Amino acid sequence: MFGGSLSILENMKSKNDFSQRSSLRQFELIVEKRSIFVNAHYLAEISPYFEYLCFGNFREAQEGRAELEDESYDEVIELLHFICPDGEYLLQRDVTDANFALLTHFSHLMQIPSLRRQLEAFIEGEFSSEDHIAKDTSLVDMIVEAKDAAFSNSLMEIMYQKLAKLDTDRVKELIKKLPGSYADSILAEVQRLAVVYPAQQPYRSTYRYNKFDQRVFF
């Protein structure tokens, strides 16, 4: 009896650990030269990207492994923790300012429609509230990834309105490390809206701005 219970507990623990192959997680993703094992059938159900990668007529599908270039191991793990059931077979799917940019990046890159809809609902709902105060650096991260993912003009407007509440000099500081095409378009939108919204105090974060040219990794 106790042996069976221990086996169940070990199985639950392993569901949070993508570094080990399991009876369900047989497909291997290589990210930054480290292995991540995923349930190809589950991912193929929610993403045409993974359906083609894991089951299409590609070498990766035949070998049961694929390398994801130019991605962060930790960020891929964070994505998997979000879209896969946890150790208690539950889905923990709360979109926040902090994870929006990362999730938007992967929802677009890996073609995950259900995640995309949840991200859009977050902007339309909780984020759009007047009471919702977003961290200023999170706003820039969110806008950059949402632009890359071709979010609708109405959703982009909600994010621009939040950013326009900052002082223009602060906005310039936030976007100075972005490629010119991003910085110029963001500043233009902020200047268009700045007269409507009073400035508020800034907040800092650490999201990376080095992922603007993305491709399918196979």
C-alpha atoms as a PDB file:
ATOM      1  CA  MET A   1       0.000   0.000   0.000  1.00  0.00           C
ATOM      2  CA  PHE A   2       2.686   2.458   1.015  1.00  0.00           C
ATOM      3  CA  GLY A   3       4.766   1.510  -2.007  1.00  0.00           C
ATOM      4  CA  GLY A   4       1.853   2.371  -4.275  1.00  0.00           C
ATOM      5  CA  SER A   5       1.330   5.693  -2.527  1.00  0.00           C
ATOM      6  CA  LEU A   6       5.014   6.514  -2.881  1.00  0.00           C
ATOM      7  CA  SER A   7       4.861   5.730  -6.583  1.00  0.00           C
ATOM      8  CA  ILE A   8       1.944   8.124  -7.020  1.00  0.00           C
ATOM      9  CA  LEU A   9       3.781  10.881  -5.144  1.00  0.00           C
ATOM     10  CA  GLU A  10       6.887  10.363  -7.244  1.00  0.00           C
ATOM     11  CA  ASN A  11       4.785  10.558 -10.394  1.00  0.00           C
ATOM     12  CA  MET A  12       3.177  13.821  -9.248  1.00  0.00           C
ATOM     13  CA  LYS A  13       6.604  15.280  -8.496  1.00  0.00           C
ATOM     14  CA  SER A  14       7.949  14.221 -11.884  1.00  0.00           C
ATOM     15  CA  LYS A  15       5.123  16.100 -13.630  1.00  0.00           C
ATOM     16  CA  ASN A  16       6.799  19.340 -12.533  1.00  0.00           C
ATOM     17  CA  ASP A  17      10.212  18.210 -13.775  1.00  0.00           C
ATOM     18  CA  PHE A  18      10.694  18.362 -17.534  1.00  0.00           C
ATOM     19  CA  SER A  19      14.345  17.318 -17.295  1.00  0.00           C
ATOM     20  CA  GLN A  20      13.531  13.597 -17.096  1.00  0.00           C
ATOM     21  CA  ARG A  21      11.879  11.350 -19.644  1.00  0.00           C
ATOM     22  CA  SER A  22       8.630   9.741 -18.428  1.00  0.00           C
ATOM     23  CA  SER A  23       6.049   7.324 -19.802  1.00  0.00           C
ATOM     24  CA  LEU A  24       4.188  10.302 -21.292  1.00  0.00           C
ATOM     25  CA  ARG A  25       7.017  12.738 -21.928  1.00  0.00           C
ATOM     26  CA  GLN A  26       9.027  11.062 -24.656  1.00  0.00           C
ATOM     27  CA  PHE A  27       9.775  13.890 -27.109  1.00  0.00           C
ATOM     28  CA  GLU A  28      13.025  15.734 -26.411  1.00  0.00           C
ATOM     29  CA  LEU A  29      13.514  19.461 -26.900  1.00  0.00           C
ATOM     30  CA  ILE A  30      17.081  20.751 -26.799  1.00  0.00           C
ATOM     31  CA  VAL A  31      17.331  24.315 -25.501  1.00  0.00           C
ATOM     32  CA  GLU A  32      20.697  25.887 -24.715  1.00  0.00           C
ATOM     33  CA  LYS A  33      22.182  22.375 -24.972  1.00  0.00           C
ATOM     34  CA  ARG A  34      19.895  21.105 -22.198  1.00  0.00           C
ATOM     35  CA  SER A  35      17.169  18.497 -22.550  1.00  0.00           C
ATOM     36  CA  ILE A  36      13.480  19.123 -21.931  1.00  0.00           C
ATOM     37  CA  PHE A  37      11.079  16.194 -22.258  1.00  0.00           C
ATOM     38  CA  VAL A  38       7.488  16.879 -23.282  1.00  0.00           C
ATOM     39  CA  ASN A  39       4.294  15.015 -24.061  1.00  0.00           C
ATOM     40  CA  ALA A  40       4.182  15.400 -27.835  1.00  0.00           C
ATOM     41  CA  HIS A  41       0.567  14.252 -28.114  1.00  0.00           C
ATOM     42  CA  TYR A  42      -0.636  16.818 -25.568  1.00  0.00           C
ATOM     43  CA  LEU A  43       1.267  19.672 -27.206  1.00  0.00           C
ATOM     44  CA  ALA A  44       0.110  18.624 -30.675  1.00  0.00           C
ATOM     45  CA  GLU A  45      -3.500  18.892 -29.463  1.00  0.00           C
ATOM     46  CA  ILE A  46      -3.058  22.564 -28.562  1.00  0.00           C
ATOM     47  CA  SER A  47      -0.532  23.723 -31.170  1.00  0.00           C
ATOM     48  CA  PRO A  48      -0.143  23.091 -34.919  1.00  0.00           C
ATOM     49  CA  TYR A  49       3.532  24.023 -34.484  1.00  0.00           C
ATOM     50  CA  PHE A  50       4.055  21.004 -32.239  1.00  0.00           C
ATOM     51  CA  GLU A  51       1.808  18.824 -34.373  1.00  0.00           C
ATOM     52  CA  TYR A  52       4.082  19.387 -37.372  1.00  0.00           C
ATOM     53  CA  LEU A  53       7.279  19.314 -35.337  1.00  0.00           C
ATOM     54  CA  CYS A  54       6.493  16.092 -33.492  1.00  0.00           C
ATOM     55  CA  PHE A  55       4.397  14.217 -36.054  1.00  0.00           C
ATOM     56  CA  GLY A  56       5.043  15.824 -39.438  1.00  0.00           C
ATOM     57  CA  ASN A  57       7.289  14.620 -42.215  1.00  0.00           C
ATOM     58  CA  PHE A  58      10.432  16.023 -40.639  1.00  0.00           C
ATOM     59  CA  ARG A  59      13.660  14.538 -39.351  1.00  0.00           C
ATOM     60  CA  GLU A  60      12.806  15.827 -35.872  1.00  0.00           C
ATOM     61  CA  ALA A  61       9.576  13.830 -35.793  1.00  0.00           C
ATOM     62  CA  GLN A  62      11.380  10.671 -36.864  1.00  0.00           C
ATOM     63  CA  GLU A  63      14.146  11.101 -34.290  1.00  0.00           C
ATOM     64  CA  GLY A  64      11.840  12.226 -31.488  1.00  0.00           C
ATOM     65  CA  ARG A  65      13.950  15.275 -30.707  1.00  0.00           C
ATOM     66  CA  ALA A  66      14.317  18.862 -31.897  1.00  0.00           C
ATOM     67  CA  GLU A  67      16.518  21.813 -31.054  1.00  0.00           C
ATOM     68  CA  LEU A  68      14.962  25.202 -30.307  1.00  0.00           C
ATOM     69  CA  GLU A  69      17.552  27.760 -31.282  1.00  0.00           C
ATOM     70  CA  ASP A  70      17.802  31.283 -29.867  1.00  0.00           C
ATOM     71  CA  GLU A  71      15.484  30.515 -26.958  1.00  0.00           C
ATOM     72  CA  SER A  72      16.094  30.520 -23.212  1.00  0.00           C
ATOM     73  CA  TYR A  73      15.883  27.217 -21.328  1.00  0.00           C
ATOM     74  CA  ASP A  74      14.287  28.889 -18.303  1.00  0.00           C
ATOM     75  CA  GLU A  75      11.701  30.665 -20.446  1.00  0.00           C
ATOM     76  CA  VAL A  76      10.691  27.471 -22.250  1.00  0.00           C
ATOM     77  CA  ILE A  77      10.311  25.774 -18.856  1.00  0.00           C
ATOM     78  CA  GLU A  78       8.139  28.678 -17.674  1.00  0.00           C
ATOM     79  CA  LEU A  79       5.948  28.288 -20.753  1.00  0.00           C
ATOM     80  CA  LEU A  80       5.548  24.551 -20.145  1.00  0.00           C
ATOM     81  CA  HIS A  81       4.639  25.091 -16.505  1.00  0.00           C
ATOM     82  CA  PHE A  82       1.930  27.452 -17.721  1.00  0.00           C
ATOM     83  CA  ILE A  83       0.389  25.326 -20.476  1.00  0.00           C
ATOM     84  CA  CYS A  84       0.847  21.845 -18.956  1.00  0.00           C
ATOM     85  CA  PRO A  85      -0.925  20.358 -15.909  1.00  0.00           C
ATOM     86  CA  ASP A  86       1.007  20.559 -12.646  1.00  0.00           C
ATOM     87  CA  GLY A  87       1.818  17.794 -10.175  1.00  0.00           C
ATOM     88  CA  GLU A  88      -1.795  17.735  -8.998  1.00  0.00           C
ATOM     89  CA  TYR A  89      -3.140  17.467 -12.565  1.00  0.00           C
ATOM     90  CA  LEU A  90      -4.336  21.069 -12.492  1.00  0.00           C
ATOM     91  CA  LEU A  91      -3.698  23.929 -14.898  1.00  0.00           C
ATOM     92  CA  GLN A  92      -2.312  27.090 -13.311  1.00  0.00           C
ATOM     93  CA  ARG A  93      -3.019  29.713 -15.926  1.00  0.00           C
ATOM     94  CA  ASP A  94      -3.012  33.217 -14.509  1.00  0.00           C
ATOM     95  CA  VAL A  95      -1.751  35.803 -16.977  1.00  0.00           C
ATOM     96  CA  THR A  96      -0.011  38.756 -15.315  1.00  0.00           C
ATOM     97  CA  ASP A  97       1.962  41.805 -16.389  1.00  0.00           C
ATOM     98  CA  ALA A  98       5.117  39.886 -15.477  1.00  0.00           C
ATOM     99  CA  ASN A  99       4.519  36.861 -17.719  1.00  0.00           C
ATOM    100  CA  PHE A 100       2.515  38.466 -20.529  1.00  0.00           C
ATOM    101  CA  ALA A 101       5.485  39.262 -22.784  1.00  0.00           C
ATOM    102  CA  LEU A 102       7.009  35.799 -22.474  1.00  0.00           C
ATOM    103  CA  LEU A 103       3.690  34.033 -23.048  1.00  0.00           C
ATOM    104  CA  THR A 104       2.836  36.276 -25.992  1.00  0.00           C
ATOM    105  CA  HIS A 105       6.199  35.535 -27.562  1.00  0.00           C
ATOM    106  CA  PHE A 106       5.657  31.779 -27.372  1.00  0.00           C
ATOM    107  CA  SER A 107       1.950  31.831 -28.186  1.00  0.00           C
ATOM    108  CA  HIS A 108       2.843  33.504 -31.483  1.00  0.00           C
ATOM    109  CA  LEU A 109       6.022  31.581 -32.217  1.00  0.00           C
ATOM    110  CA  MET A 110       4.579  28.168 -31.348  1.00  0.00           C
ATOM    111  CA  GLN A 111       1.038  28.892 -32.561  1.00  0.00           C
ATOM    112  CA  ILE A 112      -0.963  28.202 -29.393  1.00  0.00           C
ATOM    113  CA  PRO A 113      -4.468  29.616 -30.078  1.00  0.00           C
ATOM    114  CA  SER A 114      -5.932  28.960 -26.622  1.00  0.00           C
ATOM    115  CA  LEU A 115      -3.063  30.828 -24.986  1.00  0.00           C
ATOM    116  CA  ARG A 116      -3.419  33.698 -27.447  1.00  0.00           C
ATOM    117  CA  ARG A 117      -7.097  34.068 -26.572  1.00  0.00           C
ATOM    118  CA  GLN A 118      -6.301  34.100 -22.864  1.00  0.00           C
ATOM    119  CA  LEU A 119      -3.701  36.809 -23.372  1.00  0.00           C
ATOM    120  CA  GLU A 120      -6.152  38.918 -25.359  1.00  0.00           C
ATOM    121  CA  ALA A 121      -8.803  38.444 -22.674  1.00  0.00           C
ATOM    122  CA  PHE A 122      -6.337  39.646 -20.035  1.00  0.00           C
ATOM    123  CA  ILE A 123      -5.742  42.904 -21.920  1.00  0.00           C
ATOM    124  CA  GLU A 124      -9.454  43.456 -22.556  1.00  0.00           C
ATOM    125  CA  GLY A 125     -10.380  42.641 -18.969  1.00  0.00           C
ATOM    126  CA  GLU A 126      -8.168  43.050 -15.911  1.00  0.00           C
ATOM    127  CA  PHE A 127      -5.419  45.043 -17.616  1.00  0.00           C
ATOM    128  CA  SER A 128      -7.783  47.624 -19.125  1.00  0.00           C
ATOM    129  CA  SER A 129      -9.220  48.564 -15.732  1.00  0.00           C
ATOM    130  CA  GLU A 130      -8.456  52.092 -14.560  1.00  0.00           C
ATOM    131  CA  ASP A 131      -7.417  50.577 -11.232  1.00  0.00           C
ATOM    132  CA  HIS A 132      -4.783  48.372 -12.856  1.00  0.00           C
ATOM    133  CA  ILE A 133      -1.370  50.010 -12.594  1.00  0.00           C
ATOM    134  CA  ALA A 134       1.225  48.217 -14.701  1.00  0.00           C
ATOM    135  CA  LYS A 135       4.984  48.339 -14.162  1.00  0.00           C
ATOM    136  CA  ASP A 136       6.399  50.675 -16.778  1.00  0.00           C
ATOM    137  CA  THR A 137       9.084  48.309 -18.057  1.00  0.00           C
ATOM    138  CA  SER A 138       6.520  45.522 -18.253  1.00  0.00           C
ATOM    139  CA  LEU A 139       4.447  47.795 -20.484  1.00  0.00           C
ATOM    140  CA  VAL A 140       7.256  48.178 -22.998  1.00  0.00           C
ATOM    141  CA  ASP A 141       7.909  44.427 -22.971  1.00  0.00           C
ATOM    142  CA  MET A 142       4.220  43.755 -23.507  1.00  0.00           C
ATOM    143  CA  ILE A 143       3.904  46.226 -26.364  1.00  0.00           C
ATOM    144  CA  VAL A 144       6.969  44.895 -28.195  1.00  0.00           C
ATOM    145  CA  GLU A 145       5.806  41.278 -28.072  1.00  0.00           C
ATOM    146  CA  ALA A 146       2.178  42.175 -28.825  1.00  0.00           C
ATOM    147  CA  LYS A 147       3.306  44.129 -31.906  1.00  0.00           C
ATOM    148  CA  ASP A 148       5.354  41.160 -33.087  1.00  0.00           C
ATOM    149  CA  ALA A 149       2.359  38.903 -32.518  1.00  0.00           C
ATOM    150  CA  ALA A 150       0.075  41.230 -34.518  1.00  0.00           C
ATOM    151  CA  PHE A 151      -2.385  41.979 -31.727  1.00  0.00           C
ATOM    152  CA  SER A 152      -5.386  43.991 -32.872  1.00  0.00           C
ATOM    153  CA  ASN A 153      -5.258  47.784 -32.943  1.00  0.00           C
ATOM    154  CA  SER A 154      -7.847  47.982 -30.175  1.00  0.00           C
ATOM    155  CA  LEU A 155      -5.733  45.851 -27.840  1.00  0.00           C
ATOM    156  CA  MET A 156      -2.574  47.756 -28.703  1.00  0.00           C
ATOM    157  CA  GLU A 157      -4.409  51.000 -27.940  1.00  0.00           C
ATOM    158  CA  ILE A 158      -5.161  49.794 -24.397  1.00  0.00           C
ATOM    159  CA  MET A 159      -1.456  49.181 -23.784  1.00  0.00           C
ATOM    160  CA  TYR A 160      -0.391  52.443 -25.393  1.00  0.00           C
ATOM    161  CA  GLN A 161      -2.857  54.334 -23.203  1.00  0.00           C
ATOM    162  CA  LYS A 162      -1.223  52.881 -20.097  1.00  0.00           C
ATOM    163  CA  LEU A 163       2.251  53.789 -21.348  1.00  0.00           C
ATOM    164  CA  ALA A 164       1.151  57.315 -22.278  1.00  0.00           C
ATOM    165  CA  LYS A 165       0.464  58.008 -18.605  1.00  0.00           C
ATOM    166  CA  LEU A 166       4.232  58.014 -18.014  1.00  0.00           C
ATOM    167  CA  ASP A 167       6.412  61.058 -18.460  1.00  0.00           C
ATOM    168  CA  THR A 168       7.728  61.271 -22.031  1.00  0.00           C
ATOM    169  CA  ASP A 169      11.343  61.343 -20.842  1.00  0.00           C
ATOM    170  CA  ARG A 170      10.753  58.130 -18.922  1.00  0.00           C
ATOM    171  CA  VAL A 171       9.293  56.504 -22.026  1.00  0.00           C
ATOM    172  CA  LYS A 172      12.349  57.549 -24.030  1.00  0.00           C
ATOM    173  CA  GLU A 173      14.582  55.990 -21.396  1.00  0.00           C
ATOM    174  CA  LEU A 174      12.605  52.732 -21.505  1.00  0.00           C
ATOM    175  CA  ILE A 175      12.753  52.394 -25.278  1.00  0.00           C
ATOM    176  CA  LYS A 176      16.320  53.587 -25.909  1.00  0.00           C
ATOM    177  CA  LYS A 177      17.688  50.027 -26.201  1.00  0.00           C
ATOM    178  CA  LEU A 178      15.040  48.925 -28.672  1.00  0.00           C
ATOM    179  CA  PRO A 179      15.672  48.734 -32.429  1.00  0.00           C
ATOM    180  CA  GLY A 180      14.767  52.019 -34.093  1.00  0.00           C
ATOM    181  CA  SER A 181      11.624  50.752 -35.784  1.00  0.00           C
ATOM    182  CA  TYR A 182      10.172  49.716 -32.432  1.00  0.00           C
ATOM    183  CA  ALA A 183      11.316  52.768 -30.509  1.00  0.00           C
ATOM    184  CA  ASP A 184      10.044  55.239 -33.106  1.00  0.00           C
ATOM    185  CA  SER A 185       6.594  53.689 -33.423  1.00  0.00           C
ATOM    186  CA  ILE A 186       6.132  53.373 -29.663  1.00  0.00           C
ATOM    187  CA  LEU A 187       7.201  56.965 -29.051  1.00  0.00           C
ATOM    188  CA  ALA A 188       4.865  58.212 -31.779  1.00  0.00           C
ATOM    189  CA  GLU A 189       1.903  56.465 -30.161  1.00  0.00           C
ATOM    190  CA  VAL A 190       2.812  57.781 -26.713  1.00  0.00           C
ATOM    191  CA  GLN A 191       3.134  61.347 -27.983  1.00  0.00           C
ATOM    192  CA  ARG A 192      -0.239  61.029 -29.712  1.00  0.00           C
ATOM    193  CA  LEU A 193      -1.878  60.033 -26.434  1.00  0.00           C
ATOM    194  CA  ALA A 194       0.265  61.911 -23.908  1.00  0.00           C
ATOM    195  CA  VAL A 195      -1.944  65.004 -23.786  1.00  0.00           C
ATOM    196  CA  VAL A 196      -4.844  62.898 -22.533  1.00  0.00           C
ATOM    197  CA  TYR A 197      -3.135  61.125 -19.626  1.00  0.00           C
ATOM    198  CA  PRO A 198      -1.202  62.570 -16.656  1.00  0.00           C
ATOM    199  CA  ALA A 199       2.242  61.152 -15.872  1.00  0.00           C
ATOM    200  CA  GLN A 200       2.764  58.673 -13.028  1.00  0.00           C
ATOM    201  CA  GLN A 201       5.825  57.279 -11.275  1.00  0.00           C
ATOM    202  CA  PRO A 202       7.881  54.557 -13.020  1.00  0.00           C
ATOM    203  CA  TYR A 203       8.715  50.989 -12.013  1.00  0.00           C
ATOM    204  CA  ARG A 204      11.593  48.774 -13.162  1.00  0.00           C
ATOM    205  CA  SER A 205      11.931  45.231 -14.556  1.00  0.00           C
ATOM    206  CA  THR A 206      14.482  43.042 -16.359  1.00  0.00           C
ATOM    207  CA  TYR A 207      12.875  41.542 -19.486  1.00  0.00           C
ATOM    208  CA  ARG A 208      15.285  40.997 -22.402  1.00  0.00           C
ATOM    209  CA  TYR A 209      14.833  42.900 -25.667  1.00  0.00           C
ATOM    210  CA  ASN A 210      16.852  40.610 -27.958  1.00  0.00           C
ATOM    211  CA  LYS A 211      14.160  38.514 -29.641  1.00  0.00           C
ATOM    212  CA  PHE A 212      12.755  40.434 -32.560  1.00  0.00           C
ATOM    213  CA  ASP A 213      13.506  38.138 -35.519  1.00  0.00           C
ATOM    214  CA  GLN A 214      11.943  34.791 -34.707  1.00  0.00           C
ATOM    215  CA  ARG A 215      11.493  31.687 -36.826  1.00  0.00           C
ATOM    216  CA  VAL A 216      10.240  28.125 -36.611  1.00  0.00           C
ATOM    217  CA  PHE A 217      13.061  26.031 -35.230  1.00  0.00           C
ATOM    218  CA  PHE A 218      13.233  23.027 -37.524  1.00  0.00           C
END
